[in-house]
C-alpha atoms as a PDB file:
ATOM      1  CA  MET A   1     -30.549   1.268  11.785  1.00  0.00           C
ATOM      2  CA  SER A   2     -27.068  -0.370  12.998  1.00  0.00           C
ATOM      3  CA  LEU A   3     -23.754   0.412  14.570  1.00  0.00           C
ATOM      4  CA  PHE A   4     -20.770  -0.598  13.840  1.00  0.00           C
ATOM      5  CA  ARG A   5     -17.245  -1.149  14.900  1.00  0.00           C
ATOM      6  CA  ASP A   6     -14.546  -1.711  13.353  1.00  0.00           C
ATOM      7  CA  ASP A   7     -10.339  -0.203  13.591  1.00  0.00           C
ATOM      8  CA  GLY A   8      -9.011   0.713  10.697  1.00  0.00           C
ATOM      9  CA  VAL A   9      -6.569   3.347   8.667  1.00  0.00           C
ATOM     10  CA  VAL A  10      -7.304   6.229   7.270  1.00  0.00           C
ATOM     11  CA  LEU A  11      -6.496   6.169   2.963  1.00  0.00           C
ATOM     12  CA  ARG A  12      -7.821   9.576   1.987  1.00  0.00           C
ATOM     13  CA  THR A  13     -10.862  12.795   2.915  1.00  0.00           C
ATOM     14  CA  GLN A  14     -12.684  14.891   0.731  1.00  0.00           C
ATOM     15  CA  LYS A  15     -14.424  18.272   1.866  1.00  0.00           C
ATOM     16  CA  LEU A  16     -17.983  17.697   1.844  1.00  0.00           C
ATOM     17  CA  GLY A  17     -20.025  20.652   2.389  1.00  0.00           C
ATOM     18  CA  GLU A  18     -19.125  23.205   5.015  1.00  0.00           C
ATOM     19  CA  ALA A  19     -17.988  21.507   7.843  1.00  0.00           C
ATOM     20  CA  ASP A  20     -18.099  18.238   6.772  1.00  0.00           C
ATOM     21  CA  ARG A  21     -15.714  15.165   4.864  1.00  0.00           C
ATOM     22  CA  ILE A  22     -15.709  11.496   3.296  1.00  0.00           C
ATOM     23  CA  ILE A  23     -13.324   9.743   4.858  1.00  0.00           C
ATOM     24  CA  THR A  24     -11.888   6.287   3.215  1.00  0.00           C
ATOM     25  CA  ILE A  25     -10.696   4.419   5.650  1.00  0.00           C
ATOM     26  CA  LEU A  26      -9.103   0.584   5.293  1.00  0.00           C
ATOM     27  CA  THR A  27     -10.771  -1.546   7.583  1.00  0.00           C
ATOM     28  CA  ARG A  28     -10.087  -4.701   9.596  1.00  0.00           C
ATOM     29  CA  GLY A  29     -13.578  -6.116   8.989  1.00  0.00           C
ATOM     30  CA  HIS A  30     -15.140  -4.313   6.019  1.00  0.00           C
ATOM     31  CA  GLY A  31     -12.116  -3.683   3.378  1.00  0.00           C
ATOM     32  CA  ARG A  32     -12.310  -0.080   2.311  1.00  0.00           C
ATOM     33  CA  VAL A  33     -15.024   1.866   3.752  1.00  0.00           C
ATOM     34  CA  ARG A  34     -16.228   5.482   2.492  1.00  0.00           C
ATOM     35  CA  ALA A  35     -18.246   7.090   5.504  1.00  0.00           C
ATOM     36  CA  VAL A  36     -19.035  10.592   5.946  1.00  0.00           C
ATOM     37  CA  ALA A  37     -18.260  12.258   9.750  1.00  0.00           C
ATOM     38  CA  ARG A  38     -19.959  15.502  10.530  1.00  0.00           C
ATOM     39  CA  GLY A  39     -18.119  18.784  11.698  1.00  0.00           C
ATOM     40  CA  VAL A  40     -14.582  17.020  11.789  1.00  0.00           C
ATOM     41  CA  ARG A  41     -13.150  20.485   9.434  1.00  0.00           C
ATOM     42  CA  ARG A  42     -14.480  23.446  12.387  1.00  0.00           C
ATOM     43  CA  THR A  43     -10.887  24.382  13.879  1.00  0.00           C
ATOM     44  CA  LYS A  44     -11.591  22.986  17.851  1.00  0.00           C
ATOM     45  CA  SER A  45     -12.355  19.300  16.047  1.00  0.00           C
ATOM     46  CA  LYS A  46     -10.509  16.611  17.592  1.00  0.00           C
ATOM     47  CA  PHE A  47     -12.073  13.810  15.759  1.00  0.00           C
ATOM     48  CA  GLY A  48     -10.999  15.300  12.471  1.00  0.00           C
ATOM     49  CA  ALA A  49      -8.094  15.202  13.923  1.00  0.00           C
ATOM     50  CA  ARG A  50      -7.633  11.852  14.299  1.00  0.00           C
ATOM     51  CA  LEU A  51      -9.478  11.475  10.976  1.00  0.00           C
ATOM     52  CA  GLU A  52      -6.380  12.575   9.371  1.00  0.00           C
ATOM     53  CA  PRO A  53      -4.512  10.287   6.695  1.00  0.00           C
ATOM     54  CA  PHE A  54      -1.811   7.869   7.680  1.00  0.00           C
ATOM     55  CA  SER A  55      -3.886   7.466  11.271  1.00  0.00           C
ATOM     56  CA  HIS A  56      -4.846   3.584  12.648  1.00  0.00           C
ATOM     57  CA  VAL A  57      -8.044   4.662  14.386  1.00  0.00           C
ATOM     58  CA  ASP A  58     -11.214   2.378  15.923  1.00  0.00           C
ATOM     59  CA  VAL A  59     -13.975   3.972  14.883  1.00  0.00           C
ATOM     60  CA  GLN A  60     -17.708   3.654  14.903  1.00  0.00           C
ATOM     61  CA  PHE A  61     -20.329   3.405  12.432  1.00  0.00           C
ATOM     62  CA  PHE A  62     -24.306   4.178  11.659  1.00  0.00           C
ATOM     63  CA  ALA A  63     -25.839   2.520   8.771  1.00  0.00           C
ATOM     64  CA  ARG A  64     -29.528   2.937   8.362  1.00  0.00           C
ATOM     65  CA  GLY A  65     -29.826  -0.607   7.569  1.00  0.00           C
ATOM     66  CA  SER A  66     -28.534  -4.229   8.568  1.00  0.00           C
ATOM     67  CA  GLU A  67     -25.399  -4.102   6.578  1.00  0.00           C
ATOM     68  CA  LEU A  68     -22.513  -1.364   6.959  1.00  0.00           C
ATOM     69  CA  ILE A  69     -21.996  -0.622   3.060  1.00  0.00           C
ATOM     70  CA  GLY A  70     -25.546  -0.162   1.584  1.00  0.00           C
ATOM     71  CA  ARG A  71     -27.619   2.107  -1.054  1.00  0.00           C
ATOM     72  CA  GLY A  72     -25.812   5.431   1.252  1.00  0.00           C
ATOM     73  CA  LEU A  73     -22.621   6.025   3.021  1.00  0.00           C
ATOM     74  CA  PRO A  74     -22.766   5.443   6.223  1.00  0.00           C
ATOM     75  CA  LEU A  75     -21.200   7.838   9.139  1.00  0.00           C
ATOM     76  CA  CYS A  76     -18.755   7.754  11.182  1.00  0.00           C
ATOM     77  CA  THR A  77     -20.040   9.091  14.391  1.00  0.00           C
ATOM     78  CA  GLN A  78     -16.844   7.822  16.916  1.00  0.00           C
ATOM     79  CA  SER A  79     -12.939   7.302  16.815  1.00  0.00           C
ATOM     80  CA  GLU A  80     -10.068   6.578  18.847  1.00  0.00           C
ATOM     81  CA  THR A  81      -6.832   6.855  18.155  1.00  0.00           C
ATOM     82  CA  ILE A  82      -4.544   3.341  18.285  1.00  0.00           C
ATOM     83  CA  ALA A  83      -1.400   4.352  16.697  1.00  0.00           C
ATOM     84  CA  PRO A  84      -0.486   8.447  15.226  1.00  0.00           C
ATOM     85  CA  TYR A  85       1.661   7.119  12.489  1.00  0.00           C
ATOM     86  CA  GLY A  86       0.739  10.167  10.238  1.00  0.00           C
ATOM     87  CA  GLY A  87       3.370  12.231  13.441  1.00  0.00           C
ATOM     88  CA  GLY A  88       6.258  10.210  12.001  1.00  0.00           C
ATOM     89  CA  ILE A  89       5.903  10.188   7.812  1.00  0.00           C
ATOM     90  CA  VAL A  90       4.805  13.480   7.623  1.00  0.00           C
ATOM     91  CA  SER A  91       7.243  15.320   9.570  1.00  0.00           C
ATOM     92  CA  ASP A  92       9.970  13.353   6.455  1.00  0.00           C
ATOM     93  CA  TYR A  93       9.390  14.479   2.689  1.00  0.00           C
ATOM     94  CA  GLY A  94      11.142  10.856   2.152  1.00  0.00           C
ATOM     95  CA  ARG A  95       8.120   9.824   4.010  1.00  0.00           C
ATOM     96  CA  TYR A  96       5.991  10.844   3.104  1.00  0.00           C
ATOM     97  CA  THR A  97       6.343  10.580  -0.291  1.00  0.00           C
ATOM     98  CA  ALA A  98       6.172   6.847   0.225  1.00  0.00           C
ATOM     99  CA  GLY A  99       3.657   6.307   3.220  1.00  0.00           C
ATOM    100  CA  THR A 100       1.308   8.385   0.658  1.00  0.00           C
ATOM    101  CA  ALA A 101       2.404   5.861  -2.567  1.00  0.00           C
ATOM    102  CA  MET A 102       1.575   2.973  -0.088  1.00  0.00           C
ATOM    103  CA  LEU A 103      -1.974   4.702   0.743  1.00  0.00           C
ATOM    104  CA  GLU A 104      -2.986   4.599  -2.858  1.00  0.00           C
ATOM    105  CA  THR A 105      -1.707   1.054  -3.439  1.00  0.00           C
ATOM    106  CA  ALA A 106      -3.712  -0.239  -0.737  1.00  0.00           C
ATOM    107  CA  GLU A 107      -6.836   1.382  -1.374  1.00  0.00           C
ATOM    108  CA  ARG A 108      -6.388   0.689  -5.731  1.00  0.00           C
ATOM    109  CA  PHE A 109      -5.356  -3.483  -4.586  1.00  0.00           C
ATOM    110  CA  THR A 110      -8.895  -2.845  -2.686  1.00  0.00           C
ATOM    111  CA  ASP A 111     -11.492  -1.341  -4.975  1.00  0.00           C
ATOM    112  CA  HIS A 112     -14.245  -3.052  -3.980  1.00  0.00           C
ATOM    113  CA  GLU A 113     -16.107  -1.593  -0.692  1.00  0.00           C
ATOM    114  CA  GLY A 114     -17.225  -3.642   1.651  1.00  0.00           C
ATOM    115  CA  GLU A 115     -15.315  -6.914   0.996  1.00  0.00           C
ATOM    116  CA  PRO A 116     -12.496  -8.288   3.845  1.00  0.00           C
ATOM    117  CA  ALA A 117      -9.204  -7.938   2.396  1.00  0.00           C
ATOM    118  CA  VAL A 118      -7.359  -8.417   6.144  1.00  0.00           C
ATOM    119  CA  GLN A 119      -3.890  -9.236   4.386  1.00  0.00           C
ATOM    120  CA  GLN A 120      -4.197  -5.983   2.649  1.00  0.00           C
ATOM    121  CA  TYR A 121      -4.852  -4.259   6.031  1.00  0.00           C
ATOM    122  CA  LEU A 122      -2.154  -6.092   8.282  1.00  0.00           C
ATOM    123  CA  LEU A 123       0.462  -5.196   4.570  1.00  0.00           C
ATOM    124  CA  LEU A 124      -0.890  -1.358   5.323  1.00  0.00           C
ATOM    125  CA  VAL A 125      -0.003  -1.157   9.175  1.00  0.00           C
ATOM    126  CA  GLY A 126       2.884  -2.993   9.292  1.00  0.00           C
ATOM    127  CA  GLY A 127       4.541  -0.579   6.442  1.00  0.00           C
ATOM    128  CA  LEU A 128       2.828   1.992   7.754  1.00  0.00           C
ATOM    129  CA  ARG A 129       4.162   1.277  11.603  1.00  0.00           C
ATOM    130  CA  THR A 130       7.551   0.758   9.654  1.00  0.00           C
ATOM    131  CA  LEU A 131       7.937   3.962   8.114  1.00  0.00           C
ATOM    132  CA  ALA A 132       7.287   5.572  10.906  1.00  0.00           C
ATOM    133  CA  ARG A 133       9.679   4.362  12.538  1.00  0.00           C
ATOM    134  CA  ALA A 134      12.465   4.885  10.559  1.00  0.00           C
ATOM    135  CA  GLU A 135      13.383   1.630  10.821  1.00  0.00           C
ATOM    136  CA  HIS A 136      15.175   1.336   6.981  1.00  0.00           C
ATOM    137  CA  ALA A 137      14.919   3.168   4.008  1.00  0.00           C
ATOM    138  CA  PRO A 138      11.623   4.880   2.829  1.00  0.00           C
ATOM    139  CA  ASN A 139      12.119   3.554  -0.752  1.00  0.00           C
ATOM    140  CA  LEU A 140      12.719   0.324   0.339  1.00  0.00           C
ATOM    141  CA  ILE A 141      10.163  -0.105   2.889  1.00  0.00           C
ATOM    142  CA  LEU A 142       8.208   1.356  -0.358  1.00  0.00           C
ATOM    143  CA  ASP A 143       9.517  -1.345  -2.235  1.00  0.00           C
ATOM    144  CA  ALA A 144       8.843  -3.835   0.209  1.00  0.00           C
ATOM    145  CA  PHE A 145       5.450  -3.239   1.064  1.00  0.00           C
ATOM    146  CA  LEU A 146       4.625  -3.080  -3.276  1.00  0.00           C
ATOM    147  CA  LEU A 147       5.845  -6.476  -3.914  1.00  0.00           C
ATOM    148  CA  ARG A 148       4.316  -8.155  -0.527  1.00  0.00           C
ATOM    149  CA  SER A 149       0.710  -6.322  -2.139  1.00  0.00           C
ATOM    150  CA  LEU A 150       1.457  -7.649  -5.355  1.00  0.00           C
ATOM    151  CA  ALA A 151       1.797 -11.258  -3.590  1.00  0.00           C
ATOM    152  CA  VAL A 152      -1.343 -11.412  -1.362  1.00  0.00           C
ATOM    153  CA  ASN A 153      -3.319 -10.083  -4.721  1.00  0.00           C
ATOM    154  CA  GLY A 154      -1.979 -12.996  -6.469  1.00  0.00           C
ATOM    155  CA  TYR A 155       0.985 -11.311  -8.222  1.00  0.00           C
ATOM    156  CA  ALA A 156       3.778 -12.832  -6.844  1.00  0.00           C
ATOM    157  CA  PRO A 157       6.558 -11.729  -9.196  1.00  0.00           C
ATOM    158  CA  SER A 158       9.630 -14.528  -9.785  1.00  0.00           C
ATOM    159  CA  PHE A 159      13.087 -13.312  -8.581  1.00  0.00           C
ATOM    160  CA  ASP A 160      14.839 -16.655  -9.225  1.00  0.00           C
ATOM    161  CA  ASP A 161      13.303 -19.730 -11.182  1.00  0.00           C
ATOM    162  CA  CYS A 162      11.485 -18.820 -14.413  1.00  0.00           C
ATOM    163  CA  ALA A 163       8.475 -18.003 -14.144  1.00  0.00           C
ATOM    164  CA  ARG A 164       7.406 -19.576 -16.902  1.00  0.00           C
ATOM    165  CA  CYS A 165       9.046 -23.238 -17.405  1.00  0.00           C
ATOM    166  CA  GLY A 166      10.247 -22.998 -13.941  1.00  0.00           C
ATOM    167  CA  MET A 167      13.553 -23.548 -14.281  1.00  0.00           C
ATOM    168  CA  PRO A 168      16.060 -23.172 -11.799  1.00  0.00           C
ATOM    169  CA  GLY A 169      17.628 -20.011 -11.414  1.00  0.00           C
ATOM    170  CA  PRO A 170      19.009 -17.559 -11.805  1.00  0.00           C
ATOM    171  CA  ASN A 171      18.253 -16.262 -14.452  1.00  0.00           C
ATOM    172  CA  ARG A 172      19.136 -13.082 -16.514  1.00  0.00           C
ATOM    173  CA  PHE A 173      16.108 -12.025 -18.890  1.00  0.00           C
ATOM    174  CA  PHE A 174      13.286  -9.909 -16.714  1.00  0.00           C
ATOM    175  CA  SER A 175       9.343  -9.781 -18.188  1.00  0.00           C
ATOM    176  CA  VAL A 176       7.043  -8.275 -16.191  1.00  0.00           C
ATOM    177  CA  ALA A 177       4.235  -9.637 -19.138  1.00  0.00           C
ATOM    178  CA  ALA A 178       5.541 -12.840 -17.844  1.00  0.00           C
ATOM    179  CA  GLY A 179       5.830 -12.889 -13.911  1.00  0.00           C
ATOM    180  CA  GLY A 180       9.369 -11.883 -13.468  1.00  0.00           C
ATOM    181  CA  ALA A 181      12.401 -13.258 -14.203  1.00  0.00           C
ATOM    182  CA  VAL A 182      12.354 -16.015 -17.306  1.00  0.00           C
ATOM    183  CA  CYS A 183      14.928 -18.130 -18.974  1.00  0.00           C
ATOM    184  CA  GLY A 184      16.206 -18.227 -22.263  1.00  0.00           C
ATOM    185  CA  ASP A 185      13.657 -20.414 -23.203  1.00  0.00           C
ATOM    186  CA  CYS A 186      11.283 -18.332 -22.433  1.00  0.00           C
ATOM    187  CA  ARG A 187      12.216 -15.289 -23.089  1.00  0.00           C
ATOM    188  CA  VAL A 188      10.053 -12.732 -24.536  1.00  0.00           C
ATOM    189  CA  PRO A 189       9.383  -9.148 -26.516  1.00  0.00           C
ATOM    190  CA  GLY A 190       9.861  -6.334 -24.212  1.00  0.00           C
ATOM    191  CA  SER A 191      12.124  -8.243 -22.119  1.00  0.00           C
ATOM    192  CA  VAL A 192      14.479  -6.970 -19.910  1.00  0.00           C
ATOM    193  CA  VAL A 193      18.560  -7.918 -18.532  1.00  0.00           C
ATOM    194  CA  PRO A 194      18.639  -6.383 -15.236  1.00  0.00           C
ATOM    195  CA  SER A 195      21.499  -6.764 -12.183  1.00  0.00           C
ATOM    196  CA  ALA A 196      21.857 -10.141 -10.259  1.00  0.00           C
ATOM    197  CA  GLU A 197      22.163  -7.807  -7.095  1.00  0.00           C
ATOM    198  CA  ALA A 198      19.257  -5.535  -7.776  1.00  0.00           C
ATOM    199  CA  LEU A 199      17.168  -9.333  -8.634  1.00  0.00           C
ATOM    200  CA  GLN A 200      18.673 -10.140  -5.251  1.00  0.00           C
ATOM    201  CA  LEU A 201      17.556  -7.141  -3.742  1.00  0.00           C
ATOM    202  CA  LEU A 202      14.086  -7.132  -5.310  1.00  0.00           C
ATOM    203  CA  SER A 203      13.387 -10.470  -3.487  1.00  0.00           C
ATOM    204  CA  ALA A 204      15.164  -9.803  -0.257  1.00  0.00           C
ATOM    205  CA  LEU A 205      12.772  -7.177  -0.225  1.00  0.00           C
ATOM    206  CA  LEU A 206      10.081  -9.793  -0.563  1.00  0.00           C
ATOM    207  CA  THR A 207      11.216 -12.208   1.677  1.00  0.00           C
ATOM    208  CA  GLY A 208      11.695 -10.367   4.516  1.00  0.00           C
ATOM    209  CA  ASP A 209      15.644 -10.320   4.617  1.00  0.00           C
ATOM    210  CA  TRP A 210      16.610  -6.804   5.341  1.00  0.00           C
ATOM    211  CA  GLU A 211      20.685  -7.732   5.647  1.00  0.00           C
ATOM    212  CA  THR A 212      20.901  -7.855   2.431  1.00  0.00           C
ATOM    213  CA  ALA A 213      17.957  -5.153   1.394  1.00  0.00           C
ATOM    214  CA  ASP A 214      19.905  -2.514   3.855  1.00  0.00           C
ATOM    215  CA  ALA A 215      23.343  -2.934   2.748  1.00  0.00           C
ATOM    216  CA  SER A 216      22.375  -2.819  -0.990  1.00  0.00           C
ATOM    217  CA  GLU A 217      24.014  -0.157  -3.265  1.00  0.00           C
ATOM    218  CA  ALA A 218      22.205   2.899  -4.450  1.00  0.00           C
ATOM    219  CA  ARG A 219      22.363   2.339  -8.657  1.00  0.00           C
ATOM    220  CA  HIS A 220      20.418  -1.451  -7.296  1.00  0.00           C
ATOM    221  CA  VAL A 221      18.107   0.392  -5.453  1.00  0.00           C
ATOM    222  CA  ARG A 222      17.203   2.531  -8.461  1.00  0.00           C
ATOM    223  CA  GLU A 223      16.861  -0.425 -10.689  1.00  0.00           C
ATOM    224  CA  GLY A 224      15.261  -2.253  -8.164  1.00  0.00           C
ATOM    225  CA  SER A 225      12.245   0.231  -7.840  1.00  0.00           C
ATOM    226  CA  GLY A 226      12.271   0.595 -10.933  1.00  0.00           C
ATOM    227  CA  LEU A 227      11.461  -2.920 -11.992  1.00  0.00           C
ATOM    228  CA  VAL A 228       8.706  -2.793  -9.354  1.00  0.00           C
ATOM    229  CA  SER A 229       7.396   0.335 -10.822  1.00  0.00           C
ATOM    230  CA  ALA A 230       7.008  -1.067 -14.288  1.00  0.00           C
ATOM    231  CA  TYR A 231       5.812  -4.499 -12.442  1.00  0.00           C
ATOM    232  CA  LEU A 232       3.357  -2.518 -10.816  1.00  0.00           C
ATOM    233  CA  HIS A 233       0.972  -0.996 -13.301  1.00  0.00           C
ATOM    234  CA  TRP A 234       1.413  -3.640 -15.074  1.00  0.00           C
ATOM    235  CA  HIS A 235      -1.104  -5.473 -13.093  1.00  0.00           C
ATOM    236  CA  LEU A 236      -2.729  -2.501 -12.001  1.00  0.00           C
ATOM    237  CA  GLU A 237      -3.086  -1.219 -15.712  1.00  0.00           C
ATOM    238  CA  ARG A 238      -2.205   1.799 -15.057  1.00  0.00           C
ATOM    239  CA  GLY A 239       0.074   3.559 -13.063  1.00  0.00           C
ATOM    240  CA  LEU A 240       0.159   5.094  -9.406  1.00  0.00           C
ATOM    241  CA  ARG A 241       0.124   9.137  -9.222  1.00  0.00           C
ATOM    242  CA  SER A 242       2.456   9.491  -6.084  1.00  0.00           C
ATOM    243  CA  LEU A 243       4.615   7.337  -7.327  1.00  0.00           C
ATOM    244  CA  ARG A 244       6.611   9.615  -9.838  1.00  0.00           C
ATOM    245  CA  TYR A 245       7.099  11.959  -6.211  1.00  0.00           C
ATOM    246  CA  VAL A 246       8.851   9.569  -4.718  1.00  0.00           C
ATOM    247  CA  GLU A 247      12.594  10.063  -3.967  1.00  0.00           C
ATOM    248  CA  ASN A 248      15.223   7.541  -5.185  1.00  0.00           C
END
C-alpha cells in the first residue's frame, strides 16, 4: 500500500455508485490517471467541489501496491485547489466549449495511463489559465492549444516551407496528409489552397505571435480553424466530439 502526491488538471468525472465518482486527471508526474473519489457527490462535500473539470489541484492518491497505476483504480484521498480555472470558464459559452475541447484533446493525446506527459500537462495548464483570464478570443486560444499539442506529440504542421521537400515558402497548397504546406511539385490529391492570411494566422498561433493572431479578420480565423480541425482529425484518426459546439 502506497501514497502518491502530484498536481494535475481534472479532465472529466463519471458517476460511480450513489455517492462516488471516477476522476480522470492529467498529472505532472504520472500522466493521465483515473482514480476513485469517495463520497464526492454528497451535497456538502467540499472535497468534491475541488474535483470538477478545469480545476488545477494538488492531489493525494492511495494505491494497493508499489505503483500508482496497477490492477485496480487508486483512491483519490485528498485534494487542494491550486487554481480554480472553472470559475472563469464555465460562465461563458465560448470559453466553456473551447475549454471542453482542450480537455478532450489532452485526454486523447495521453491515452496510456501512468506515462508522464509533462509538455502536454504544461500546455493544458497554460491554455486554461489564458482562457480563464479571457486574454484572447476563445477560438484563437483553442486553435493555439491544438496546434501546440500536435507539435509536442510529433505532428507539427508546416505553414511556410514545403512539408515534403523543404522548399522555402510561402507555398500556396496545404495537405493534412502531407504535413501542412506543400509546393506545386509535392502537391497531392486532396490538397487545398487556403488564403495566405489564414496560414500566417496559424503560424502565429503555433509560435505565440499573439499580436498577429489578435489582429486577424474573422473570415481568416474561421478558415484557419477549419484547417486545424482537419489536421487534428487526421492525426487522431477521429474527430473531437466537443469541437462541434465551438463557436467560430
